[in-house]
Structure formats: C-alpha cells, structure tokens
Amino acid sequence: MSAEHAAIYGYGVVGARLPDDQQRTDARTALAAHQSRRDAWQRLLAATGATPAAAAAGYQLPFPVTDAPAATRLAAHLETRLTTVYADLVAAVPPPHRTAAADALRECALRAHHWGATPTAFPGLPDTSTPTPAPTP
C-alpha cells in the first residue's frame, strides 16, 4: 500500500525534527503502527495472489520540514491523507476486510487529531457543511 509506505517515510522525517522526547515517542509509536498496518495489507494482498507494491527510495514531502512545528504539521498531514485513503478503501474492499479498513481509518483520524489536524464529521470524506457555489452561467 503506497500511502502507508509514504507515511512510514514521512515519520522518519517527523521524528528527526522533534526535539521533545514525548513527541519523538509518539512519532515512533505512529511509525510502528503504520509499519504493522502496511505489513498486514501486504500479507493480505500476497494471500490473494497479488504482488504488493514495493516502497519507493524516497517520497516528495508536501512542504519543507525544517523544524518541530513543520514536523507536527507533516504528521497531521500524513494522517489526514491516510484517512482519505482508508475511507476509499472501506468502500472498495469486500465485506470481510471492511472492518480492518475502518479500524485503520479510525486510528489515522485519531492520530491526525493528536498531531493538530482539525477533526471532520466523516474523516477522509470531503466536507459538505459549506455549500459549494453554483457555477455561473
């Protein structure tokens, strides 16, 4: 799962920029959770005869991460991005695997909030609380 590979890479960057021991511990815990989740999805894919995608050598970060505030923003960004991925996965996988995808969605939403992301009513889905302006004719 490429989104988990990217999150794992991103948490390496996050951890390197956090000066506080507790924040580094939180980053290591998140990293371990993503590694475990990635490994579980890879085993599932392999069991179905599919070949899981390998991790890339590196990933493009969405913004420069040069200090602790940027590192926490990156952690929130990674988790928020994964809520979108897992929301899509809940809809796409067969019923026996939806619970795992929904659990992953919930965990990412909670971690996103922990890192400072604004909670949404349905994590991973577009916010429809603000009406979209009608197109002009």
N, C-alpha and C. Protein backbone atom coordinates (compact mmCIF):
# COMPACT_ATOMS: atom_id res chain seq x y z
N MET A 1 0.85 -1.17 0.00
CA MET A 1 0.00 0.00 0.00
C MET A 1 0.90 1.23 0.00
N SER A 2 0.89 1.96 -1.10
CA SER A 2 1.82 3.08 -1.28
C SER A 2 1.59 4.21 -0.27
N ALA A 3 0.37 4.44 0.17
CA ALA A 3 0.13 5.51 1.15
C ALA A 3 0.78 5.18 2.48
N GLU A 4 0.79 3.91 2.87
CA GLU A 4 1.47 3.52 4.10
C GLU A 4 2.99 3.63 3.93
N HIS A 5 3.50 3.26 2.77
CA HIS A 5 4.94 3.44 2.51
C HIS A 5 5.32 4.92 2.67
N ALA A 6 4.51 5.80 2.10
CA ALA A 6 4.79 7.24 2.19
C ALA A 6 4.72 7.73 3.63
N ALA A 7 3.76 7.23 4.39
CA ALA A 7 3.63 7.64 5.80
C ALA A 7 4.84 7.19 6.60
N ILE A 8 5.31 5.99 6.34
CA ILE A 8 6.48 5.46 7.04
C ILE A 8 7.70 6.33 6.74
N TYR A 9 7.88 6.67 5.49
CA TYR A 9 8.97 7.57 5.11
C TYR A 9 8.80 8.92 5.82
N GLY A 10 7.59 9.46 5.78
CA GLY A 10 7.32 10.76 6.39
C GLY A 10 7.59 10.78 7.88
N TYR A 11 7.25 9.71 8.56
CA TYR A 11 7.50 9.67 10.01
C TYR A 11 9.00 9.62 10.32
N GLY A 12 9.80 9.13 9.40
CA GLY A 12 11.26 9.22 9.58
C GLY A 12 11.70 10.67 9.61
N VAL A 13 11.11 11.47 8.75
CA VAL A 13 11.40 12.91 8.71
C VAL A 13 10.85 13.58 9.96
N VAL A 14 9.63 13.25 10.32
CA VAL A 14 8.99 13.84 11.51
C VAL A 14 9.85 13.61 12.75
N GLY A 15 10.21 12.38 12.98
CA GLY A 15 10.98 12.03 14.17
C GLY A 15 12.32 12.74 14.25
N ALA A 16 12.92 12.99 13.10
CA ALA A 16 14.22 13.65 13.08
C ALA A 16 14.14 15.12 13.47
N ARG A 17 12.96 15.71 13.40
CA ARG A 17 12.80 17.15 13.66
C ARG A 17 12.13 17.47 14.99
N LEU A 18 11.74 16.46 15.73
CA LEU A 18 11.05 16.71 17.00
C LEU A 18 12.06 16.72 18.16
N PRO A 19 12.11 17.84 18.90
CA PRO A 19 13.09 17.93 19.99
C PRO A 19 12.61 17.30 21.30
N ASP A 20 11.33 17.16 21.47
CA ASP A 20 10.74 16.68 22.71
C ASP A 20 10.69 15.16 22.74
N ASP A 21 11.14 14.57 23.86
CA ASP A 21 11.15 13.10 23.98
C ASP A 21 9.77 12.49 23.80
N GLN A 22 8.74 13.12 24.40
CA GLN A 22 7.39 12.57 24.28
C GLN A 22 6.90 12.60 22.84
N GLN A 23 7.18 13.69 22.13
CA GLN A 23 6.76 13.77 20.72
C GLN A 23 7.49 12.73 19.88
N ARG A 24 8.79 12.53 20.15
CA ARG A 24 9.53 11.50 19.40
C ARG A 24 8.96 10.12 19.71
N THR A 25 8.57 9.89 20.95
CA THR A 25 7.94 8.61 21.31
C THR A 25 6.62 8.45 20.56
N ASP A 26 5.83 9.52 20.49
CA ASP A 26 4.57 9.48 19.73
C ASP A 26 4.83 9.18 18.26
N ALA A 27 5.88 9.79 17.70
CA ALA A 27 6.22 9.55 16.29
C ALA A 27 6.66 8.11 16.08
N ARG A 28 7.45 7.57 17.00
CA ARG A 28 7.88 6.16 16.87
C ARG A 28 6.69 5.22 16.98
N THR A 29 5.76 5.54 17.87
CA THR A 29 4.55 4.72 18.02
C THR A 29 3.73 4.74 16.73
N ALA A 30 3.58 5.92 16.15
CA ALA A 30 2.83 6.04 14.89
C ALA A 30 3.55 5.30 13.77
N LEU A 31 4.86 5.44 13.72
CA LEU A 31 5.66 4.74 12.70
C LEU A 31 5.45 3.23 12.82
N ALA A 32 5.53 2.71 14.02
CA ALA A 32 5.34 1.27 14.23
C ALA A 32 3.94 0.83 13.83
N ALA A 33 2.93 1.66 14.13
CA ALA A 33 1.55 1.33 13.74
C ALA A 33 1.42 1.26 12.23
N HIS A 34 2.04 2.21 11.53
CA HIS A 34 1.96 2.21 10.06
C HIS A 34 2.73 1.03 9.46
N GLN A 35 3.88 0.69 10.06
CA GLN A 35 4.62 -0.47 9.56
C GLN A 35 3.80 -1.74 9.74
N SER A 36 3.16 -1.86 10.88
CA SER A 36 2.33 -3.04 11.14
C SER A 36 1.14 -3.11 10.19
N ARG A 37 0.49 -1.97 9.98
CA ARG A 37 -0.66 -1.92 9.08
C ARG A 37 -0.23 -2.25 7.66
N ARG A 38 0.89 -1.66 7.22
CA ARG A 38 1.41 -1.95 5.87
C ARG A 38 1.68 -3.44 5.71
N ASP A 39 2.34 -4.02 6.70
CA ASP A 39 2.69 -5.45 6.63
C ASP A 39 1.43 -6.32 6.55
N ALA A 40 0.41 -5.95 7.31
CA ALA A 40 -0.84 -6.72 7.29
C ALA A 40 -1.50 -6.64 5.91
N TRP A 41 -1.53 -5.45 5.32
CA TRP A 41 -2.13 -5.32 3.98
C TRP A 41 -1.30 -6.08 2.95
N GLN A 42 0.03 -6.04 3.10
CA GLN A 42 0.87 -6.78 2.15
C GLN A 42 0.63 -8.28 2.26
N ARG A 43 0.48 -8.80 3.48
CA ARG A 43 0.18 -10.22 3.64
C ARG A 43 -1.16 -10.56 3.00
N LEU A 44 -2.15 -9.69 3.20
CA LEU A 44 -3.47 -9.93 2.61
C LEU A 44 -3.39 -9.94 1.09
N LEU A 45 -2.69 -8.98 0.52
CA LEU A 45 -2.54 -8.93 -0.94
C LEU A 45 -1.82 -10.17 -1.46
N ALA A 46 -0.75 -10.55 -0.80
CA ALA A 46 0.01 -11.72 -1.22
C ALA A 46 -0.84 -12.98 -1.14
N ALA A 47 -1.69 -13.08 -0.12
CA ALA A 47 -2.56 -14.25 0.04
C ALA A 47 -3.58 -14.35 -1.10
N THR A 48 -3.92 -13.23 -1.71
CA THR A 48 -4.87 -13.24 -2.82
C THR A 48 -4.18 -13.44 -4.16
N GLY A 49 -2.83 -13.55 -4.13
CA GLY A 49 -2.07 -13.74 -5.36
C GLY A 49 -1.58 -12.45 -5.99
N ALA A 50 -1.89 -11.32 -5.37
CA ALA A 50 -1.41 -10.03 -5.90
C ALA A 50 0.01 -9.77 -5.40
N THR A 51 0.71 -8.94 -6.13
CA THR A 51 2.06 -8.56 -5.72
C THR A 51 2.01 -7.16 -5.11
N PRO A 52 2.27 -7.05 -3.80
CA PRO A 52 2.25 -5.73 -3.16
C PRO A 52 3.33 -4.82 -3.75
N ALA A 53 3.02 -3.55 -3.85
CA ALA A 53 3.98 -2.57 -4.37
C ALA A 53 5.11 -2.39 -3.37
N ALA A 54 6.31 -2.27 -3.88
CA ALA A 54 7.47 -2.01 -3.03
C ALA A 54 7.52 -0.52 -2.69
N ALA A 55 8.18 -0.22 -1.60
CA ALA A 55 8.36 1.18 -1.21
C ALA A 55 9.32 1.86 -2.19
N ALA A 56 9.09 3.13 -2.43
CA ALA A 56 10.00 3.92 -3.25
C ALA A 56 11.23 4.27 -2.42
N ALA A 57 12.29 4.68 -3.08
CA ALA A 57 13.51 5.06 -2.37
C ALA A 57 13.29 6.34 -1.57
N GLY A 58 12.38 7.18 -2.01
CA GLY A 58 12.07 8.43 -1.32
C GLY A 58 10.73 8.95 -1.78
N TYR A 59 10.20 9.91 -1.04
CA TYR A 59 8.90 10.48 -1.35
C TYR A 59 8.99 12.00 -1.27
N GLN A 60 8.23 12.67 -2.12
CA GLN A 60 8.18 14.13 -2.12
C GLN A 60 7.34 14.59 -0.94
N LEU A 61 7.91 15.43 -0.10
CA LEU A 61 7.16 15.98 1.02
C LEU A 61 6.30 17.14 0.53
N PRO A 62 5.15 17.39 1.17
CA PRO A 62 4.25 18.44 0.70
C PRO A 62 4.76 19.85 1.00
N PHE A 63 5.73 19.97 1.90
CA PHE A 63 6.32 21.27 2.26
C PHE A 63 7.65 20.98 2.96
N PRO A 64 8.52 21.98 3.04
CA PRO A 64 9.80 21.77 3.73
C PRO A 64 9.57 21.50 5.23
N VAL A 65 10.32 20.56 5.76
CA VAL A 65 10.22 20.23 7.19
C VAL A 65 11.59 20.51 7.80
N THR A 66 11.69 21.70 8.38
CA THR A 66 12.98 22.14 8.92
C THR A 66 12.98 22.35 10.42
N ASP A 67 11.80 22.23 11.05
CA ASP A 67 11.72 22.45 12.49
C ASP A 67 10.56 21.64 13.08
N ALA A 68 10.43 21.71 14.40
CA ALA A 68 9.40 20.92 15.09
C ALA A 68 7.97 21.28 14.66
N PRO A 69 7.62 22.57 14.54
CA PRO A 69 6.25 22.87 14.10
C PRO A 69 5.93 22.28 12.71
N ALA A 70 6.90 22.34 11.81
CA ALA A 70 6.67 21.76 10.48
C ALA A 70 6.57 20.24 10.57
N ALA A 71 7.33 19.64 11.49
CA ALA A 71 7.26 18.18 11.66
C ALA A 71 5.89 17.76 12.17
N THR A 72 5.33 18.50 13.12
CA THR A 72 3.99 18.13 13.61
C THR A 72 2.94 18.37 12.54
N ARG A 73 3.12 19.43 11.73
CA ARG A 73 2.21 19.66 10.60
C ARG A 73 2.28 18.51 9.61
N LEU A 74 3.50 18.02 9.36
CA LEU A 74 3.66 16.89 8.44
C LEU A 74 2.98 15.65 9.00
N ALA A 75 3.14 15.38 10.28
CA ALA A 75 2.47 14.21 10.88
C ALA A 75 0.96 14.33 10.72
N ALA A 76 0.40 15.50 10.99
CA ALA A 76 -1.04 15.71 10.82
C ALA A 76 -1.44 15.52 9.35
N HIS A 77 -0.62 16.02 8.44
CA HIS A 77 -0.88 15.88 7.01
C HIS A 77 -0.88 14.40 6.59
N LEU A 78 0.12 13.66 7.05
CA LEU A 78 0.22 12.24 6.70
C LEU A 78 -1.02 11.48 7.16
N GLU A 79 -1.41 11.71 8.41
CA GLU A 79 -2.56 11.00 8.96
C GLU A 79 -3.86 11.42 8.26
N THR A 80 -4.00 12.70 7.98
CA THR A 80 -5.21 13.18 7.29
C THR A 80 -5.29 12.59 5.89
N ARG A 81 -4.16 12.52 5.20
CA ARG A 81 -4.14 11.93 3.87
C ARG A 81 -4.56 10.45 3.94
N LEU A 82 -4.08 9.77 4.96
CA LEU A 82 -4.43 8.36 5.09
C LEU A 82 -5.91 8.16 5.42
N THR A 83 -6.54 9.12 6.09
CA THR A 83 -7.98 8.97 6.34
C THR A 83 -8.73 8.92 5.01
N THR A 84 -8.29 9.71 4.05
CA THR A 84 -8.92 9.70 2.72
C THR A 84 -8.71 8.34 2.04
N VAL A 85 -7.49 7.85 2.12
CA VAL A 85 -7.17 6.55 1.51
C VAL A 85 -8.02 5.45 2.14
N TYR A 86 -8.09 5.45 3.47
CA TYR A 86 -8.85 4.39 4.14
C TYR A 86 -10.36 4.55 3.97
N ALA A 87 -10.85 5.77 3.85
CA ALA A 87 -12.28 5.95 3.57
C ALA A 87 -12.62 5.33 2.21
N ASP A 88 -11.76 5.56 1.23
CA ASP A 88 -11.96 4.95 -0.09
C ASP A 88 -11.86 3.42 -0.01
N LEU A 89 -10.92 2.94 0.79
CA LEU A 89 -10.72 1.50 0.90
C LEU A 89 -11.92 0.81 1.56
N VAL A 90 -12.50 1.46 2.57
CA VAL A 90 -13.69 0.88 3.21
C VAL A 90 -14.77 0.62 2.17
N ALA A 91 -14.92 1.55 1.24
CA ALA A 91 -15.94 1.40 0.20
C ALA A 91 -15.55 0.38 -0.86
N ALA A 92 -14.24 0.16 -1.04
CA ALA A 92 -13.79 -0.65 -2.17
C ALA A 92 -13.56 -2.13 -1.85
N VAL A 93 -13.25 -2.46 -0.60
CA VAL A 93 -12.90 -3.84 -0.30
C VAL A 93 -14.14 -4.67 0.00
N PRO A 94 -14.02 -5.98 -0.17
CA PRO A 94 -15.15 -6.86 0.15
C PRO A 94 -15.47 -6.80 1.64
N PRO A 95 -16.71 -7.10 2.00
CA PRO A 95 -17.14 -7.01 3.41
C PRO A 95 -16.20 -7.63 4.45
N PRO A 96 -15.58 -8.77 4.20
CA PRO A 96 -14.73 -9.32 5.26
C PRO A 96 -13.55 -8.42 5.65
N HIS A 97 -13.15 -7.52 4.75
CA HIS A 97 -11.97 -6.68 5.02
C HIS A 97 -12.34 -5.24 5.39
N ARG A 98 -13.61 -4.92 5.37
CA ARG A 98 -14.04 -3.56 5.69
C ARG A 98 -13.73 -3.17 7.13
N THR A 99 -13.84 -4.11 8.04
CA THR A 99 -13.55 -3.80 9.44
C THR A 99 -12.10 -3.35 9.60
N ALA A 100 -11.18 -4.05 8.96
CA ALA A 100 -9.76 -3.66 9.05
C ALA A 100 -9.54 -2.27 8.45
N ALA A 101 -10.18 -2.00 7.33
CA ALA A 101 -10.03 -0.68 6.70
C ALA A 101 -10.66 0.41 7.58
N ALA A 102 -11.82 0.11 8.16
CA ALA A 102 -12.49 1.08 9.04
C ALA A 102 -11.67 1.32 10.31
N ASP A 103 -11.08 0.26 10.86
CA ASP A 103 -10.21 0.42 12.02
C ASP A 103 -9.01 1.32 11.69
N ALA A 104 -8.42 1.10 10.52
CA ALA A 104 -7.29 1.92 10.10
C ALA A 104 -7.73 3.38 9.93
N LEU A 105 -8.89 3.59 9.35
CA LEU A 105 -9.43 4.94 9.19
C LEU A 105 -9.57 5.62 10.55
N ARG A 106 -10.16 4.92 11.50
CA ARG A 106 -10.35 5.47 12.85
C ARG A 106 -9.02 5.82 13.51
N GLU A 107 -8.06 4.91 13.43
CA GLU A 107 -6.75 5.14 14.04
C GLU A 107 -6.05 6.36 13.42
N CYS A 108 -6.12 6.48 12.10
CA CYS A 108 -5.50 7.63 11.43
C CYS A 108 -6.19 8.93 11.81
N ALA A 109 -7.51 8.90 11.91
CA ALA A 109 -8.24 10.11 12.30
C ALA A 109 -7.84 10.55 13.71
N LEU A 110 -7.71 9.59 14.61
CA LEU A 110 -7.31 9.92 15.99
C LEU A 110 -5.88 10.46 16.03
N ARG A 111 -4.98 9.84 15.26
CA ARG A 111 -3.60 10.35 15.24
C ARG A 111 -3.54 11.72 14.58
N ALA A 112 -4.33 11.95 13.54
CA ALA A 112 -4.35 13.27 12.90
C ALA A 112 -4.75 14.33 13.91
N HIS A 113 -5.77 14.03 14.69
CA HIS A 113 -6.22 14.96 15.73
C HIS A 113 -5.11 15.17 16.77
N HIS A 114 -4.45 14.11 17.16
CA HIS A 114 -3.36 14.20 18.13
C HIS A 114 -2.27 15.17 17.64
N TRP A 115 -1.99 15.13 16.33
CA TRP A 115 -0.94 15.99 15.77
C TRP A 115 -1.44 17.37 15.42
N GLY A 116 -2.72 17.66 15.68
CA GLY A 116 -3.21 19.02 15.50
C GLY A 116 -4.13 19.25 14.32
N ALA A 117 -4.49 18.21 13.58
CA ALA A 117 -5.41 18.38 12.45
C ALA A 117 -6.81 18.69 12.98
N THR A 118 -7.55 19.46 12.24
CA THR A 118 -8.92 19.78 12.61
C THR A 118 -9.81 18.57 12.34
N PRO A 119 -10.55 18.12 13.36
CA PRO A 119 -11.41 16.96 13.13
C PRO A 119 -12.55 17.29 12.16
N THR A 120 -12.97 16.29 11.41
CA THR A 120 -14.09 16.46 10.49
C THR A 120 -15.19 15.47 10.87
N ALA A 121 -16.38 15.74 10.40
CA ALA A 121 -17.51 14.88 10.75
C ALA A 121 -17.30 13.45 10.26
N PHE A 122 -16.81 13.29 9.06
CA PHE A 122 -16.54 11.99 8.48
C PHE A 122 -15.12 12.01 7.93
N PRO A 123 -14.14 11.60 8.75
CA PRO A 123 -12.75 11.66 8.31
C PRO A 123 -12.54 10.97 6.97
N GLY A 124 -11.79 11.64 6.12
CA GLY A 124 -11.48 11.08 4.82
C GLY A 124 -12.47 11.43 3.72
N LEU A 125 -13.60 12.03 4.10
CA LEU A 125 -14.59 12.42 3.10
C LEU A 125 -14.64 13.94 2.99
N PRO A 126 -14.96 14.47 1.83
CA PRO A 126 -14.99 15.93 1.68
C PRO A 126 -16.02 16.56 2.62
N ASP A 127 -15.68 17.75 3.11
CA ASP A 127 -16.58 18.49 4.00
C ASP A 127 -17.69 19.11 3.17
N THR A 128 -18.91 18.75 3.47
CA THR A 128 -20.06 19.28 2.73
C THR A 128 -20.86 20.27 3.56
N SER A 129 -20.28 20.70 4.69
CA SER A 129 -21.01 21.63 5.55
C SER A 129 -21.08 23.03 4.95
N THR A 130 -20.13 23.36 4.08
CA THR A 130 -20.19 24.64 3.39
C THR A 130 -20.67 24.41 1.98
N PRO A 131 -21.76 25.05 1.61
CA PRO A 131 -22.29 24.81 0.26
C PRO A 131 -21.31 25.26 -0.81
N THR A 132 -21.23 24.47 -1.85
CA THR A 132 -20.42 24.84 -3.00
C THR A 132 -21.17 25.85 -3.83
N PRO A 133 -20.52 26.97 -4.19
CA PRO A 133 -21.22 27.96 -5.02
C PRO A 133 -21.64 27.36 -6.36
N ALA A 134 -22.80 27.75 -6.79
CA ALA A 134 -23.31 27.29 -8.09
C ALA A 134 -22.49 27.92 -9.19
N PRO A 135 -22.25 27.15 -10.26
CA PRO A 135 -21.49 27.72 -11.38
C PRO A 135 -22.27 28.88 -12.02
N THR A 136 -21.53 29.85 -12.47
CA THR A 136 -22.18 30.97 -13.14
C THR A 136 -22.45 30.61 -14.59
N PRO A 137 -23.62 31.00 -15.08
CA PRO A 137 -23.96 30.63 -16.47
C PRO A 137 -23.13 31.37 -17.49
